[in-house]
Amino acid sequence: MNSSKPIIIIPGDKKSIFFEIFFKSLKKKFESPLIIFTSKKIFKKEMLYFNAKIKYKIIQIKDLNIVKLNNKYLYLVDILSENLKIKESKIFDNEFIKFSFDIALDLIKKNFTYKLLNGPINKKKFLKKKFLGITEFIASKFKEKNYAMLIYNKELSVCPLTTHLPIKLVAKNINQQEIINKAKIINNFYIDKFKYQPKIAVTGLNPHCESNLRINEDEIIVSTAVNKCFKLGINIKGPMPADTLFIKENRKKFDVILGMYHDQVLGPLKALYEYDAINITMGLPFLRVSPDHGPNEKMIHKNLSNPQSLIKALKFLDKN
């Protein structure tokens, strides 16, 4: 892959710390040209508020394939001038964000780039219960059914088998094929992007991987799926009790922990590494990355937010 391909950036939610952490991130140098889909008016206002010194150029979508892009400038696509139907009062609302994604994904389909980064988005407001998360929303645009969320840290990463499901629905959505699919995606992604085969641990669903009930998912589903993955040549072990898997002596044996549900693996990882992780969607025909945190409305304009996750996300896209 060509690292000089541009990175398309969608800021995301209106009420977000994105511009603060973005301006802080630009103190680093990236080889890939950066293109941000935003509002010229809001961008200038945020630059002034944070006293950001950034060299940028306004560019239209129709000129992206004509102009020779470089990393000396940030390129700004003013969404309001690209879609006159979007009113200024709706900047960064659902219609604005959706149109930004539509343009970005269309450019990706036309092979303009394969690098996409989106900032924090209020899932409840934007998705309106149509998708479980942004991962699922983007995958649907490419009709991809085999994909996975990876919260990546170079020391240890996690992948939830189910993402934003209520706990009462988790057990109903766990099956052998889904575990096998996720393990394959993780294995192939690491070999392709990081050039080594990962050591994967799989958690159990029940406390200590035990159940006194008639059905024990860990024996019937998880263990059987892990054995099938092992026969496929995947370096995998499980089911393993989630309450002890993240202690130091255990976690250093693995590269990725595949968990049964969202907070089972994301909670421990964030406790261990805080902002030193990024959200990668595996299984897509392009790279989609986002910082591993939400809009954090309480911190807007306080100039105290940590840009580490966004910097890591940009660096990942920059070198791949």
Foldseek 3Di string as FASTA:
>chain_A
DDLQQEAEEEAAAPLFQRVLLVLVLVVDAFWYAYEYEFAPVVNVVSCVLVVRDFAADEDELVCLVPDDTGRNHHYYYHQCVVDVVDDPVCGNAQVSRVVSLVSVVVCVVVVSAQHYEYEFYDCCRNVVPVDLGVLRVSCVVVPFDQKWKWWDFQQAIETELAENDDPVCLVVPAALVSVLSNLVQQQVCCCVQVVDGWAEEEEADDAQQDDPDPDRCQVPGVVVSQVVNVVVVHNYDDHGGLVPCLPDVNSNVGHYYYYSYHCSPPVSVCVVPPQNTKIWMTDDPGTYIYGPDHRPSVCHSVSPDDSNSVSVSSVSSSVD
